[in-house]
């Protein structure tokens, strides 16, 4: 998927969500920011919700708190988005059991809590590459279905 709604990207240019947004765009993704409190992010028009994104995204990366994730997955379903990625580095991240259950019940494919940086080819060794290596050594690195 190349066109992704990035839900919850921050207005703060120094926030981690902005670094991830920039990296997606740098790597050729058509990353579209979604934040109801922003008109633009890094010069890209920002949308208040996934349903407002035109043309529609092929997937959504959720960088939200779990309670907001629950609303975001419903919005994704209404917009016909077939896949969501609920970001997590530490703690709950964007993952919510209610949101995961909603996705399963509504045919939305969900990645439940991983950091996209870990999966980029040629990602910097520190910290993301080490995170991926550590997960592989422990046998907890996700396998593609």
N, C-alpha and C. Protein backbone atom coordinates (compact mmCIF):
# COMPACT_ATOMS: atom_id res chain seq x y z
N UNK A 1 0.84 -1.18 0.00
CA UNK A 1 0.00 0.00 0.00
C UNK A 1 0.88 1.24 0.00
N UNK A 2 0.55 2.16 -0.85
CA UNK A 2 1.34 3.39 -0.92
C UNK A 2 0.62 4.60 -0.34
N UNK A 3 -0.72 4.62 -0.42
CA UNK A 3 -1.47 5.78 0.11
C UNK A 3 -2.00 5.44 1.50
N UNK A 4 -1.44 6.12 2.50
CA UNK A 4 -1.77 5.83 3.88
C UNK A 4 -2.25 7.07 4.62
N UNK A 5 -3.34 6.93 5.34
CA UNK A 5 -3.76 7.98 6.27
C UNK A 5 -2.92 7.80 7.53
N UNK A 6 -2.28 8.85 7.98
CA UNK A 6 -1.48 8.80 9.21
C UNK A 6 -2.29 9.55 10.26
N UNK A 7 -3.04 8.79 11.05
CA UNK A 7 -3.99 9.34 12.00
C UNK A 7 -3.31 9.65 13.33
N UNK A 8 -3.40 10.91 13.74
CA UNK A 8 -2.82 11.31 15.00
C UNK A 8 -1.43 11.92 14.87
N UNK A 9 -1.03 12.23 13.64
CA UNK A 9 0.26 12.90 13.46
C UNK A 9 0.18 14.26 14.17
N UNK A 10 1.20 14.57 14.93
CA UNK A 10 1.19 15.75 15.80
C UNK A 10 1.40 17.06 15.05
N UNK A 11 0.89 18.13 15.64
CA UNK A 11 1.18 19.48 15.15
C UNK A 11 2.59 19.91 15.54
N UNK A 12 3.17 19.26 16.55
CA UNK A 12 4.50 19.57 17.04
C UNK A 12 5.54 18.97 16.10
N UNK A 13 6.33 19.80 15.45
CA UNK A 13 7.30 19.33 14.45
C UNK A 13 8.40 18.45 15.05
N UNK A 14 8.60 18.48 16.36
CA UNK A 14 9.63 17.66 16.99
C UNK A 14 9.09 16.34 17.54
N UNK A 15 7.80 16.10 17.42
CA UNK A 15 7.17 14.89 17.94
C UNK A 15 7.58 13.67 17.12
N UNK A 16 7.66 12.50 17.77
CA UNK A 16 8.01 11.26 17.09
C UNK A 16 7.06 10.97 15.92
N UNK A 17 5.79 11.28 16.07
CA UNK A 17 4.84 10.99 14.99
C UNK A 17 5.19 11.75 13.72
N UNK A 18 5.75 12.94 13.88
CA UNK A 18 6.18 13.72 12.71
C UNK A 18 7.40 13.08 12.05
N UNK A 19 8.32 12.55 12.86
CA UNK A 19 9.50 11.87 12.30
C UNK A 19 9.05 10.66 11.48
N UNK A 20 8.09 9.92 11.98
CA UNK A 20 7.58 8.76 11.25
C UNK A 20 6.86 9.20 9.98
N UNK A 21 6.06 10.25 10.07
CA UNK A 21 5.37 10.79 8.90
C UNK A 21 6.38 11.20 7.83
N UNK A 22 7.43 11.92 8.23
CA UNK A 22 8.46 12.36 7.27
C UNK A 22 9.17 11.17 6.64
N UNK A 23 9.45 10.16 7.45
CA UNK A 23 10.15 8.97 6.93
C UNK A 23 9.29 8.24 5.90
N UNK A 24 8.02 8.13 6.16
CA UNK A 24 7.12 7.50 5.19
C UNK A 24 7.15 8.25 3.87
N UNK A 25 7.05 9.56 3.93
CA UNK A 25 7.07 10.37 2.70
C UNK A 25 8.42 10.28 2.00
N UNK A 26 9.49 10.29 2.77
CA UNK A 26 10.84 10.18 2.20
C UNK A 26 11.01 8.84 1.47
N UNK A 27 10.35 7.81 1.95
CA UNK A 27 10.46 6.48 1.35
C UNK A 27 9.44 6.25 0.24
N UNK A 28 8.74 7.30 -0.18
CA UNK A 28 7.86 7.20 -1.34
C UNK A 28 6.40 6.90 -1.05
N UNK A 29 6.04 6.85 0.22
CA UNK A 29 4.63 6.64 0.55
C UNK A 29 3.86 7.94 0.38
N UNK A 30 2.63 7.83 -0.05
CA UNK A 30 1.73 8.98 -0.13
C UNK A 30 1.03 9.06 1.22
N UNK A 31 1.79 9.52 2.23
CA UNK A 31 1.27 9.62 3.60
C UNK A 31 0.44 10.88 3.72
N UNK A 32 -0.79 10.71 4.19
CA UNK A 32 -1.74 11.82 4.31
C UNK A 32 -2.01 12.04 5.80
N UNK A 33 -1.72 13.25 6.31
CA UNK A 33 -1.93 13.49 7.73
C UNK A 33 -3.41 13.64 8.09
N UNK A 34 -3.76 13.07 9.23
CA UNK A 34 -5.13 13.18 9.76
C UNK A 34 -5.02 13.65 11.21
N UNK A 35 -5.52 14.86 11.44
CA UNK A 35 -5.55 15.45 12.77
C UNK A 35 -6.59 16.57 12.72
N UNK A 36 -7.66 16.45 13.48
CA UNK A 36 -8.71 17.48 13.42
C UNK A 36 -8.25 18.86 13.89
N UNK A 37 -7.08 18.93 14.53
CA UNK A 37 -6.59 20.21 15.03
C UNK A 37 -5.53 20.87 14.16
N UNK A 38 -5.32 20.33 12.95
CA UNK A 38 -4.28 20.89 12.08
C UNK A 38 -4.81 21.07 10.66
N UNK A 39 -4.40 22.16 10.01
CA UNK A 39 -4.77 22.41 8.62
C UNK A 39 -3.76 21.79 7.66
N UNK A 40 -2.50 21.71 8.11
CA UNK A 40 -1.45 21.11 7.30
C UNK A 40 -0.35 20.56 8.21
N UNK A 41 0.40 19.62 7.67
CA UNK A 41 1.54 19.04 8.37
C UNK A 41 2.68 18.97 7.37
N UNK A 42 3.76 19.64 7.67
CA UNK A 42 4.93 19.67 6.77
C UNK A 42 4.54 20.06 5.35
N UNK A 43 3.60 20.99 5.23
CA UNK A 43 3.19 21.48 3.92
C UNK A 43 2.18 20.60 3.19
N UNK A 44 1.71 19.54 3.84
CA UNK A 44 0.73 18.63 3.25
C UNK A 44 -0.62 18.89 3.90
N UNK A 45 -1.66 19.03 3.08
CA UNK A 45 -3.01 19.28 3.61
C UNK A 45 -3.39 18.19 4.61
N UNK A 46 -3.94 18.60 5.74
CA UNK A 46 -4.32 17.69 6.81
C UNK A 46 -5.84 17.57 6.85
N UNK A 47 -6.32 16.37 7.13
CA UNK A 47 -7.75 16.10 7.14
C UNK A 47 -8.23 15.88 8.58
N UNK A 48 -9.50 16.19 8.86
CA UNK A 48 -10.01 16.04 10.22
C UNK A 48 -10.29 14.59 10.60
N UNK A 49 -10.53 13.72 9.60
CA UNK A 49 -10.79 12.31 9.87
C UNK A 49 -10.52 11.52 8.59
N UNK A 50 -10.46 10.21 8.70
CA UNK A 50 -10.13 9.35 7.56
C UNK A 50 -11.19 9.45 6.46
N UNK A 51 -12.44 9.57 6.84
CA UNK A 51 -13.52 9.63 5.84
C UNK A 51 -13.38 10.86 4.93
N UNK A 52 -12.73 11.92 5.41
CA UNK A 52 -12.58 13.15 4.62
C UNK A 52 -11.42 13.08 3.63
N UNK A 53 -10.55 12.09 3.73
CA UNK A 53 -9.37 11.99 2.88
C UNK A 53 -9.78 11.66 1.44
N UNK A 54 -9.34 12.49 0.50
CA UNK A 54 -9.63 12.25 -0.92
C UNK A 54 -8.34 12.38 -1.73
N UNK A 55 -8.11 11.46 -2.67
CA UNK A 55 -8.80 10.18 -2.78
C UNK A 55 -8.57 9.33 -1.53
N UNK A 56 -9.43 8.34 -1.33
CA UNK A 56 -9.36 7.54 -0.10
C UNK A 56 -8.02 6.81 0.04
N UNK A 57 -7.57 6.62 1.28
CA UNK A 57 -6.34 5.88 1.51
C UNK A 57 -6.55 4.38 1.37
N UNK A 58 -5.47 3.67 1.12
CA UNK A 58 -5.51 2.20 1.03
C UNK A 58 -5.39 1.56 2.41
N UNK A 59 -4.87 2.32 3.36
CA UNK A 59 -4.67 1.83 4.71
C UNK A 59 -4.50 3.01 5.64
N UNK A 60 -4.44 2.72 6.95
CA UNK A 60 -4.28 3.78 7.94
C UNK A 60 -3.28 3.35 9.00
N UNK A 61 -2.39 4.25 9.34
CA UNK A 61 -1.46 4.07 10.44
C UNK A 61 -1.99 4.91 11.59
N UNK A 62 -2.31 4.25 12.70
CA UNK A 62 -2.93 4.94 13.84
C UNK A 62 -1.89 5.22 14.90
N UNK A 63 -1.62 6.50 15.12
CA UNK A 63 -0.64 6.97 16.10
C UNK A 63 -1.39 7.68 17.23
N UNK A 64 -2.42 7.04 17.71
CA UNK A 64 -3.38 7.66 18.63
C UNK A 64 -3.36 6.97 19.99
N UNK A 65 -4.03 7.55 20.94
CA UNK A 65 -4.25 6.90 22.23
C UNK A 65 -5.35 5.85 22.01
N UNK A 66 -5.36 4.77 22.83
CA UNK A 66 -6.32 3.70 22.61
C UNK A 66 -7.78 4.15 22.48
N UNK A 67 -8.23 5.10 23.29
CA UNK A 67 -9.61 5.58 23.19
C UNK A 67 -9.91 6.23 21.86
N UNK A 68 -8.95 6.94 21.29
CA UNK A 68 -9.11 7.57 19.98
C UNK A 68 -9.04 6.51 18.88
N UNK A 69 -8.23 5.47 19.10
CA UNK A 69 -8.13 4.38 18.13
C UNK A 69 -9.49 3.74 17.89
N UNK A 70 -10.27 3.60 18.94
CA UNK A 70 -11.60 2.99 18.81
C UNK A 70 -12.48 3.80 17.86
N UNK A 71 -12.40 5.10 17.94
CA UNK A 71 -13.14 5.96 17.01
C UNK A 71 -12.54 5.88 15.61
N UNK A 72 -11.22 5.87 15.54
CA UNK A 72 -10.52 5.86 14.24
C UNK A 72 -10.83 4.60 13.44
N UNK A 73 -10.92 3.43 14.08
CA UNK A 73 -11.20 2.21 13.31
C UNK A 73 -12.63 2.23 12.77
N UNK A 74 -13.54 2.82 13.50
CA UNK A 74 -14.91 2.95 13.01
C UNK A 74 -14.94 3.89 11.79
N UNK A 75 -14.17 4.96 11.87
CA UNK A 75 -14.05 5.90 10.77
C UNK A 75 -13.42 5.21 9.55
N UNK A 76 -12.41 4.39 9.80
CA UNK A 76 -11.78 3.64 8.70
C UNK A 76 -12.79 2.70 8.04
N UNK A 77 -13.60 2.03 8.85
CA UNK A 77 -14.62 1.12 8.30
C UNK A 77 -15.61 1.90 7.44
N UNK A 78 -16.05 3.04 7.93
CA UNK A 78 -17.01 3.87 7.18
C UNK A 78 -16.42 4.36 5.87
N UNK A 79 -15.09 4.57 5.85
CA UNK A 79 -14.41 5.06 4.64
C UNK A 79 -13.98 3.92 3.72
N UNK A 80 -14.21 2.67 4.14
CA UNK A 80 -13.83 1.53 3.30
C UNK A 80 -12.35 1.19 3.35
N UNK A 81 -11.66 1.62 4.38
CA UNK A 81 -10.22 1.33 4.51
C UNK A 81 -10.07 -0.12 5.01
N UNK A 82 -9.39 -0.97 4.23
CA UNK A 82 -9.33 -2.39 4.55
C UNK A 82 -8.26 -2.82 5.54
N UNK A 83 -7.33 -1.91 5.89
CA UNK A 83 -6.22 -2.31 6.75
C UNK A 83 -5.80 -1.15 7.65
N UNK A 84 -5.56 -1.46 8.93
CA UNK A 84 -5.05 -0.46 9.87
C UNK A 84 -3.84 -1.03 10.60
N UNK A 85 -2.95 -0.14 10.98
CA UNK A 85 -1.77 -0.49 11.75
C UNK A 85 -1.85 0.34 13.02
N UNK A 86 -1.98 -0.33 14.16
CA UNK A 86 -2.04 0.34 15.46
C UNK A 86 -0.63 0.38 16.02
N UNK A 87 -0.01 1.55 15.96
CA UNK A 87 1.37 1.74 16.38
C UNK A 87 1.57 1.44 17.86
N UNK A 88 2.72 0.85 18.16
CA UNK A 88 3.14 0.71 19.56
C UNK A 88 4.66 0.59 19.59
N UNK A 89 5.27 1.31 20.53
CA UNK A 89 6.69 1.14 20.81
C UNK A 89 6.79 0.54 22.21
N UNK A 90 6.27 1.26 23.19
CA UNK A 90 6.20 0.77 24.57
C UNK A 90 4.80 1.05 25.09
N UNK A 91 4.40 0.34 26.11
CA UNK A 91 3.06 0.54 26.65
C UNK A 91 2.00 0.09 25.66
N UNK A 92 0.82 0.61 25.81
CA UNK A 92 -0.30 0.22 24.94
C UNK A 92 -0.18 0.80 23.54
N UNK A 93 0.50 1.95 23.41
CA UNK A 93 0.55 2.60 22.11
C UNK A 93 -0.86 2.93 21.66
N UNK A 94 -1.17 2.63 20.42
CA UNK A 94 -2.51 2.90 19.88
C UNK A 94 -3.45 1.70 20.04
N UNK A 95 -2.93 0.59 20.55
CA UNK A 95 -3.71 -0.65 20.60
C UNK A 95 -4.80 -0.60 21.66
N UNK A 96 -5.98 -1.02 21.25
CA UNK A 96 -7.13 -1.14 22.13
C UNK A 96 -7.81 -2.47 21.79
N UNK A 97 -8.11 -3.26 22.81
CA UNK A 97 -8.78 -4.54 22.56
C UNK A 97 -10.12 -4.33 21.87
N UNK A 98 -10.83 -3.27 22.24
CA UNK A 98 -12.11 -2.97 21.60
C UNK A 98 -11.90 -2.68 20.11
N UNK A 99 -10.87 -1.90 19.78
CA UNK A 99 -10.59 -1.57 18.38
C UNK A 99 -10.19 -2.82 17.60
N UNK A 100 -9.37 -3.67 18.22
CA UNK A 100 -8.95 -4.92 17.56
C UNK A 100 -10.18 -5.79 17.30
N UNK A 101 -11.05 -5.91 18.29
CA UNK A 101 -12.28 -6.70 18.12
C UNK A 101 -13.18 -6.13 17.04
N UNK A 102 -13.28 -4.81 16.98
CA UNK A 102 -14.08 -4.16 15.95
C UNK A 102 -13.52 -4.48 14.56
N UNK A 103 -12.21 -4.40 14.44
CA UNK A 103 -11.58 -4.71 13.15
C UNK A 103 -11.89 -6.15 12.73
N UNK A 104 -11.72 -7.08 13.64
CA UNK A 104 -12.00 -8.50 13.34
C UNK A 104 -13.45 -8.70 12.92
N UNK A 105 -14.36 -8.07 13.64
CA UNK A 105 -15.79 -8.22 13.35
C UNK A 105 -16.21 -7.57 12.05
N UNK A 106 -15.40 -6.63 11.56
CA UNK A 106 -15.78 -5.88 10.37
C UNK A 106 -14.86 -6.10 9.17
N UNK A 107 -14.05 -7.16 9.24
CA UNK A 107 -13.22 -7.52 8.10
C UNK A 107 -12.07 -6.57 7.80
N UNK A 108 -11.62 -5.84 8.80
CA UNK A 108 -10.48 -4.94 8.63
C UNK A 108 -9.24 -5.67 9.12
N UNK A 109 -8.25 -5.78 8.27
CA UNK A 109 -6.99 -6.40 8.66
C UNK A 109 -6.26 -5.43 9.58
N UNK A 110 -5.75 -5.92 10.71
CA UNK A 110 -5.11 -5.03 11.68
C UNK A 110 -3.74 -5.55 12.10
N UNK A 111 -2.79 -4.65 12.11
CA UNK A 111 -1.48 -4.91 12.72
C UNK A 111 -1.62 -4.36 14.13
N UNK A 112 -1.44 -5.22 15.10
CA UNK A 112 -1.71 -4.86 16.49
C UNK A 112 -0.43 -4.52 17.24
N UNK A 113 0.04 -3.31 17.06
CA UNK A 113 1.10 -2.83 17.93
C UNK A 113 2.52 -3.16 17.53
N UNK A 114 2.99 -2.58 16.50
CA UNK A 114 4.39 -2.67 16.11
C UNK A 114 4.84 -1.29 15.66
N UNK A 115 6.14 -1.05 15.70
CA UNK A 115 6.69 0.21 15.23
C UNK A 115 7.14 0.06 13.78
N UNK A 116 6.59 0.84 12.87
CA UNK A 116 6.97 0.74 11.46
C UNK A 116 8.46 0.92 11.20
N UNK A 117 9.13 1.74 12.01
CA UNK A 117 10.57 1.96 11.80
C UNK A 117 11.34 0.64 11.81
N UNK A 118 10.88 -0.31 12.60
CA UNK A 118 11.58 -1.59 12.73
C UNK A 118 11.56 -2.39 11.42
N UNK A 119 10.63 -2.10 10.54
CA UNK A 119 10.45 -2.88 9.32
C UNK A 119 10.99 -2.21 8.06
N UNK A 120 11.39 -0.94 8.15
CA UNK A 120 11.93 -0.26 6.98
C UNK A 120 13.26 -0.89 6.57
N UNK A 121 13.46 -1.15 5.28
CA UNK A 121 14.78 -1.60 4.84
C UNK A 121 15.81 -0.51 5.12
N UNK A 122 16.98 -0.94 5.53
CA UNK A 122 18.10 -0.03 5.78
C UNK A 122 17.79 1.01 6.84
N UNK A 123 17.02 0.61 7.84
CA UNK A 123 16.70 1.52 8.94
C UNK A 123 17.96 1.72 9.78
N UNK A 124 18.14 2.88 10.40
CA UNK A 124 19.32 3.09 11.24
C UNK A 124 19.41 2.02 12.34
N UNK A 125 20.62 1.58 12.62
CA UNK A 125 20.82 0.51 13.60
C UNK A 125 20.31 0.90 14.98
N UNK A 126 20.54 2.14 15.37
CA UNK A 126 20.12 2.57 16.70
C UNK A 126 18.96 3.54 16.56
N UNK A 127 17.84 3.31 17.20
CA UNK A 127 17.48 2.16 18.01
C UNK A 127 16.68 1.11 17.23
N UNK A 128 16.15 1.49 16.06
CA UNK A 128 15.16 0.66 15.38
C UNK A 128 15.72 -0.67 14.86
N UNK A 129 16.89 -0.63 14.28
CA UNK A 129 17.51 -1.86 13.79
C UNK A 129 17.80 -2.82 14.94
N UNK A 130 18.28 -2.29 16.06
CA UNK A 130 18.54 -3.14 17.23
C UNK A 130 17.25 -3.74 17.77
N UNK A 131 16.19 -2.95 17.75
CA UNK A 131 14.89 -3.44 18.21
C UNK A 131 14.47 -4.65 17.37
N UNK A 132 14.58 -4.52 16.04
CA UNK A 132 14.23 -5.63 15.15
C UNK A 132 15.12 -6.84 15.38
N UNK A 133 16.44 -6.62 15.51
CA UNK A 133 17.38 -7.74 15.75
C UNK A 133 17.05 -8.44 17.06
N UNK A 134 16.80 -7.67 18.10
CA UNK A 134 16.47 -8.24 19.41
C UNK A 134 15.20 -9.10 19.32
N UNK A 135 14.20 -8.59 18.62
CA UNK A 135 12.95 -9.35 18.47
C UNK A 135 13.18 -10.64 17.68
N UNK A 136 14.04 -10.59 16.65
CA UNK A 136 14.35 -11.80 15.88
C UNK A 136 15.05 -12.82 16.75
N UNK A 137 16.02 -12.38 17.55
CA UNK A 137 16.75 -13.29 18.44
C UNK A 137 15.83 -13.94 19.47
N UNK A 138 14.88 -13.18 19.96
CA UNK A 138 13.93 -13.69 20.96
C UNK A 138 12.81 -14.53 20.33
N UNK A 139 12.71 -14.50 19.01
CA UNK A 139 11.64 -15.24 18.34
C UNK A 139 10.30 -14.54 18.40
N UNK A 140 10.30 -13.23 18.64
CA UNK A 140 9.04 -12.48 18.73
C UNK A 140 8.85 -11.52 17.57
N UNK A 141 9.73 -11.59 16.56
CA UNK A 141 9.58 -10.74 15.39
C UNK A 141 8.37 -11.23 14.61
N UNK A 142 7.47 -10.33 14.24
CA UNK A 142 6.23 -10.75 13.55
C UNK A 142 6.53 -11.40 12.19
N UNK A 143 5.79 -12.42 11.90
CA UNK A 143 5.87 -13.08 10.59
C UNK A 143 4.69 -12.63 9.76
N UNK A 144 4.96 -12.45 8.48
CA UNK A 144 3.90 -12.03 7.58
C UNK A 144 3.01 -13.24 7.27
N UNK A 145 1.70 -13.02 7.33
CA UNK A 145 0.75 -14.11 7.06
C UNK A 145 0.60 -14.36 5.58
